[in-house]
N, C-alpha and C. Protein backbone atom coordinates (compact mmCIF):
# COMPACT_ATOMS: atom_id res chain seq x y z
N MET A 1 -1.16 -19.89 -179.65
CA MET A 1 -0.17 -18.97 -180.73
C MET A 1 0.28 -19.72 -181.83
N MET A 2 0.95 -19.11 -182.38
CA MET A 2 1.06 -18.97 -183.38
C MET A 2 2.58 -18.01 -184.73
N LYS A 3 3.77 -18.50 -184.18
CA LYS A 3 4.84 -18.20 -184.23
C LYS A 3 5.13 -17.79 -186.17
N SER A 4 5.37 -16.85 -186.73
CA SER A 4 5.51 -17.36 -188.14
C SER A 4 7.14 -17.39 -188.15
N ALA A 5 7.49 -18.49 -189.50
CA ALA A 5 8.44 -18.31 -189.50
C ALA A 5 9.75 -17.37 -189.67
N THR A 6 9.14 -16.70 -190.35
CA THR A 6 10.65 -15.59 -190.84
C THR A 6 10.57 -14.55 -189.78
N THR A 7 9.50 -14.37 -188.78
CA THR A 7 9.34 -12.86 -188.18
C THR A 7 8.94 -14.22 -186.65
N ASP A 8 8.66 -12.99 -185.97
CA ASP A 8 8.91 -12.98 -183.99
C ASP A 8 7.04 -12.97 -184.35
N LYS A 9 6.57 -12.52 -184.80
CA LYS A 9 5.07 -12.25 -184.69
C LYS A 9 3.88 -13.09 -184.21
N VAL A 10 3.16 -12.72 -183.84
CA VAL A 10 2.79 -13.69 -182.89
C VAL A 10 1.17 -13.26 -183.17
N TYR A 11 0.25 -14.11 -183.27
CA TYR A 11 -0.87 -14.24 -184.44
C TYR A 11 -1.86 -14.58 -183.31
N LYS A 12 -3.01 -13.46 -182.39
CA LYS A 12 -3.75 -14.39 -181.41
C LYS A 12 -4.97 -14.87 -181.00
N SER A 13 -5.39 -14.82 -183.11
CA SER A 13 -6.36 -15.77 -183.64
C SER A 13 -6.37 -17.05 -184.35
N PRO A 14 -6.73 -17.34 -183.65
CA PRO A 14 -7.00 -19.22 -183.54
C PRO A 14 -5.96 -19.53 -185.73
N VAL A 15 -5.29 -20.81 -185.21
CA VAL A 15 -5.29 -20.96 -186.78
C VAL A 15 -5.88 -21.41 -187.72
N ARG A 16 -6.90 -21.82 -187.55
CA ARG A 16 -7.67 -21.81 -188.58
C ARG A 16 -7.88 -21.10 -189.68
N LYS A 17 -8.73 -20.14 -188.66
CA LYS A 17 -9.27 -18.27 -188.92
C LYS A 17 -8.57 -18.05 -189.83
N LEU A 18 -6.82 -18.00 -188.97
CA LEU A 18 -5.93 -17.19 -189.77
C LEU A 18 -5.37 -17.96 -191.04
N ALA A 19 -5.18 -19.49 -191.66
CA ALA A 19 -5.32 -19.69 -192.17
C ALA A 19 -7.20 -19.84 -193.44
N ARG A 20 -7.35 -19.65 -193.06
CA ARG A 20 -8.91 -18.96 -193.65
C ARG A 20 -8.78 -17.78 -194.32
N PHE A 21 -7.49 -17.01 -193.74
CA PHE A 21 -8.14 -15.57 -193.81
C PHE A 21 -6.70 -15.05 -194.74
N PHE A 22 -5.11 -16.10 -194.82
CA PHE A 22 -4.57 -16.63 -195.42
C PHE A 22 -4.26 -16.21 -197.32
N GLU A 23 -5.55 -18.12 -197.49
CA GLU A 23 -5.72 -18.59 -198.00
C GLU A 23 -6.46 -17.53 -198.48
N ARG A 24 -7.92 -17.02 -198.19
CA ARG A 24 -9.26 -15.99 -199.08
C ARG A 24 -7.97 -14.65 -199.35
N SER A 25 -6.81 -13.67 -199.13
CA SER A 25 -6.02 -13.17 -198.98
C SER A 25 -5.88 -13.66 -200.17
N ARG A 26 -4.82 -15.12 -200.52
CA ARG A 26 -4.42 -15.67 -201.67
C ARG A 26 -5.15 -15.32 -203.13
N ASP A 27 -6.22 -15.99 -202.52
CA ASP A 27 -6.84 -16.49 -203.67
C ASP A 27 -7.06 -15.12 -204.53
N GLN A 28 -6.94 -14.28 -203.41
CA GLN A 28 -7.64 -12.79 -204.54
C GLN A 28 -6.55 -12.04 -205.59
N TRP A 29 -5.23 -11.69 -204.52
CA TRP A 29 -4.14 -11.73 -204.95
C TRP A 29 -3.83 -12.63 -206.04
N LYS A 30 -4.02 -13.32 -205.71
CA LYS A 30 -4.44 -14.36 -208.09
C LYS A 30 -5.23 -13.53 -208.38
N ALA A 31 -6.12 -13.55 -208.57
CA ALA A 31 -7.28 -13.82 -209.10
C ALA A 31 -7.48 -12.00 -209.78
N LYS A 32 -6.68 -10.77 -208.65
CA LYS A 32 -6.39 -9.62 -209.13
C LYS A 32 -5.25 -10.06 -210.22
N CYS A 33 -3.93 -10.69 -210.17
CA CYS A 33 -3.53 -10.91 -210.99
C CYS A 33 -3.37 -11.42 -212.10
N ARG A 34 -3.98 -12.87 -212.24
CA ARG A 34 -4.50 -13.23 -212.76
C ARG A 34 -5.88 -12.42 -214.40
N GLU A 35 -6.34 -11.38 -213.94
CA GLU A 35 -7.65 -10.71 -214.43
C GLU A 35 -6.50 -9.53 -215.19
N ALA A 36 -5.37 -8.80 -214.38
CA ALA A 36 -4.26 -7.95 -215.09
C ALA A 36 -3.64 -8.45 -216.64
N LYS A 37 -3.48 -9.48 -216.21
CA LYS A 37 -2.56 -10.57 -217.29
C LYS A 37 -3.89 -10.50 -218.25
N GLU A 38 -4.89 -11.08 -218.09
CA GLU A 38 -6.37 -10.89 -219.17
C GLU A 38 -6.59 -9.59 -219.52
N THR A 39 -6.15 -8.22 -219.04
CA THR A 39 -5.98 -7.38 -219.53
C THR A 39 -5.11 -6.33 -220.18
N ILE A 40 -4.77 -6.78 -219.80
CA ILE A 40 -2.87 -6.78 -220.20
C ILE A 40 -2.83 -7.42 -221.96
N LYS A 41 -3.16 -8.08 -222.30
CA LYS A 41 -3.27 -9.34 -223.40
C LYS A 41 -4.07 -8.81 -223.93
N TYR A 42 -5.42 -8.63 -223.43
CA TYR A 42 -6.86 -8.07 -224.63
C TYR A 42 -5.67 -6.99 -224.66
N LEU A 43 -5.29 -5.37 -224.97
CA LEU A 43 -4.56 -5.02 -224.51
C LEU A 43 -3.70 -4.76 -226.05
N LYS A 44 -2.75 -5.17 -225.84
CA LYS A 44 -1.48 -5.67 -226.45
C LYS A 44 -2.72 -6.15 -227.44
N ASN A 45 -2.84 -7.26 -228.03
CA ASN A 45 -4.46 -7.49 -229.10
C ASN A 45 -4.95 -6.58 -230.11
N ARG A 46 -5.18 -5.20 -228.93
CA ARG A 46 -5.40 -4.94 -229.33
C ARG A 46 -5.17 -3.30 -230.14
N VAL A 47 -3.98 -2.99 -229.70
CA VAL A 47 -2.95 -2.52 -229.67
C VAL A 47 -2.99 -2.68 -231.54
N ARG A 48 -2.71 -4.15 -231.35
CA ARG A 48 -2.06 -4.82 -232.56
C ARG A 48 -3.29 -4.92 -233.69
N PHE A 49 -3.92 -5.23 -233.03
CA PHE A 49 -5.46 -4.98 -234.28
C PHE A 49 -5.33 -3.41 -235.21
N LEU A 50 -5.11 -1.95 -234.47
CA LEU A 50 -5.56 -1.06 -234.71
C LEU A 50 -3.99 -0.52 -235.61
N GLU A 51 -2.71 -1.15 -234.96
CA GLU A 51 -2.21 -0.23 -235.71
C GLU A 51 -2.16 -1.32 -237.38
N GLU A 52 -2.54 -2.19 -237.46
CA GLU A 52 -2.47 -3.36 -238.80
C GLU A 52 -3.75 -2.85 -239.08
N SER A 53 -4.30 -2.10 -238.74
CA SER A 53 -5.50 -1.46 -239.08
C SER A 53 -5.28 -0.40 -239.67
N ARG A 54 -5.19 0.98 -239.45
CA ARG A 54 -4.50 2.42 -239.00
C ARG A 54 -3.22 1.74 -240.96
N GLU A 55 -2.02 0.81 -241.00
CA GLU A 55 -1.78 1.11 -241.79
C GLU A 55 -2.34 0.31 -243.14
N ARG A 56 -3.14 -0.51 -243.32
CA ARG A 56 -3.53 -0.78 -244.09
C ARG A 56 -4.67 0.70 -244.92
N TRP A 57 -5.05 0.77 -244.25
CA TRP A 57 -5.83 2.31 -244.04
C TRP A 57 -4.94 3.43 -245.52
N LYS A 58 -3.95 3.34 -244.13
CA LYS A 58 -2.92 4.34 -244.78
C LYS A 58 -2.45 3.89 -246.17
N ASN A 59 -2.01 2.44 -245.71
CA ASN A 59 -1.45 2.11 -247.54
C ASN A 59 -2.65 2.52 -248.56
N GLU A 60 -3.60 2.17 -248.00
CA GLU A 60 -5.00 2.53 -249.81
C GLU A 60 -5.28 4.13 -249.65
N ALA A 61 -5.26 4.56 -248.25
CA ALA A 61 -5.24 6.48 -248.81
C ALA A 61 -4.22 7.24 -249.90
N GLN A 62 -3.33 6.03 -249.65
CA GLN A 62 -2.04 6.79 -250.70
C GLN A 62 -1.90 6.18 -251.59
N GLU A 63 -2.40 4.64 -252.13
CA GLU A 63 -3.15 4.19 -253.46
C GLU A 63 -3.60 5.03 -254.01
N LEU A 64 -5.11 5.51 -253.08
CA LEU A 64 -6.27 5.94 -253.71
C LEU A 64 -5.03 7.44 -254.21
N ASP A 65 -4.52 7.89 -253.12
CA ASP A 65 -4.42 9.56 -253.66
C ASP A 65 -3.06 9.01 -254.88
N ALA A 66 -2.27 8.33 -254.83
CA ALA A 66 -1.29 8.33 -256.53
C ALA A 66 -2.58 8.09 -257.17
N ARG A 67 -3.65 7.56 -256.98
CA ARG A 67 -4.25 6.74 -258.55
C ARG A 67 -5.28 8.07 -258.90
N VAL A 68 -5.99 9.11 -257.82
CA VAL A 68 -6.77 10.56 -258.37
C VAL A 68 -4.93 11.31 -258.58
N LYS A 69 -4.33 10.95 -258.43
CA LYS A 69 -2.57 12.05 -259.62
C LYS A 69 -3.12 11.99 -260.58
N GLN A 70 -2.71 10.28 -261.31
CA GLN A 70 -2.66 9.79 -262.23
C GLN A 70 -4.10 10.15 -263.18
N MET A 71 -5.01 10.17 -262.70
CA MET A 71 -5.84 10.05 -262.78
C MET A 71 -6.03 11.82 -264.40
N THR A 72 -5.86 12.91 -262.91
CA THR A 72 -5.80 14.32 -262.78
C THR A 72 -5.21 14.69 -263.70
N ALA A 73 -3.53 14.01 -263.62
CA ALA A 73 -2.72 14.47 -264.70
C ALA A 73 -3.13 13.70 -266.70
N LYS A 74 -3.86 12.82 -266.30
CA LYS A 74 -4.56 11.49 -267.43
C LYS A 74 -5.37 13.23 -268.48
N GLU A 75 -6.22 12.74 -267.15
CA GLU A 75 -7.90 14.37 -267.96
C GLU A 75 -6.92 15.75 -268.32
N ARG A 76 -5.55 16.55 -267.94
CA ARG A 76 -5.39 17.55 -268.39
C ARG A 76 -4.48 16.80 -268.96
N ALA A 77 -3.90 15.85 -269.78
CA ALA A 77 -3.78 15.13 -271.15
C ALA A 77 -4.87 15.85 -272.04
N LEU A 78 -5.41 14.63 -271.42
CA LEU A 78 -6.85 14.89 -272.51
C LEU A 78 -7.33 16.05 -272.97
N ARG A 79 -7.48 16.81 -272.04
CA ARG A 79 -8.07 18.47 -271.98
C ARG A 79 -7.52 19.41 -272.86
N GLU A 80 -5.72 19.65 -272.27
CA GLU A 80 -5.44 19.17 -274.03
C GLU A 80 -5.12 19.38 -275.17
N ARG A 81 -5.05 17.65 -275.39
CA ARG A 81 -4.85 17.38 -276.83
C ARG A 81 -6.55 17.81 -277.51
N LEU A 82 -7.21 17.92 -276.89
CA LEU A 82 -9.59 18.40 -277.56
C LEU A 82 -8.99 19.69 -277.63
N GLU A 83 -8.82 20.47 -276.26
CA GLU A 83 -8.31 22.00 -277.28
C GLU A 83 -7.19 22.41 -278.06
N SER A 84 -5.99 21.46 -278.59
CA SER A 84 -5.25 21.35 -279.66
C SER A 84 -5.38 21.09 -280.88
N LEU A 85 -6.68 20.38 -281.05
CA LEU A 85 -7.55 19.46 -281.89
C LEU A 85 -8.98 20.42 -282.17
N GLU A 86 -9.31 21.27 -281.06
CA GLU A 86 -10.19 22.67 -281.51
C GLU A 86 -9.57 23.31 -281.99
N SER A 87 -8.01 24.02 -281.02
CA SER A 87 -7.99 24.96 -281.99
C SER A 87 -7.30 24.84 -283.85
N MET A 88 -6.69 23.22 -283.61
CA MET A 88 -6.62 23.02 -285.38
C MET A 88 -8.40 23.01 -285.71
N GLU A 89 -8.89 22.74 -285.43
CA GLU A 89 -10.59 22.50 -286.36
C GLU A 89 -11.03 23.49 -286.98
N SER A 90 -10.59 24.20 -285.91
CA SER A 90 -11.69 26.07 -286.15
C SER A 90 -10.21 26.56 -287.14
N LYS A 91 -9.12 27.09 -286.43
CA LYS A 91 -7.65 27.09 -288.12
C LYS A 91 -8.54 26.35 -289.33
N LYS A 92 -8.80 24.75 -289.49
CA LYS A 92 -9.10 25.06 -290.83
C LYS A 92 -10.39 25.11 -291.32
N THR A 93 -11.74 24.86 -290.52
CA THR A 93 -12.85 26.04 -290.78
C THR A 93 -12.87 27.37 -291.19
N SER A 94 -11.98 28.00 -290.55
CA SER A 94 -11.71 29.50 -290.86
C SER A 94 -10.62 30.31 -292.05
N ARG A 95 -10.30 29.27 -292.41
CA ARG A 95 -9.46 29.27 -293.91
C ARG A 95 -10.45 29.78 -294.82
């Protein structure tokens, strides 16, 4: 029988079986911990990538929106100029 160093628990199983069991148990929780760390690292990297991507698309959309507004204003100015030129032309021809 084996006694634990920290408690007075007595194990009935042979030490060789206990050692194998405890080693396997330790290896399993270490593997589980390693896998969890890998998952956390992957997810953190994924979140960072997605945030950067979203920021890039947001900036591009804002630039395109500003360009559309600029082009719309330019088109409006050209239409007004064209209308004024057409009205001036029609006044000249009606005289």
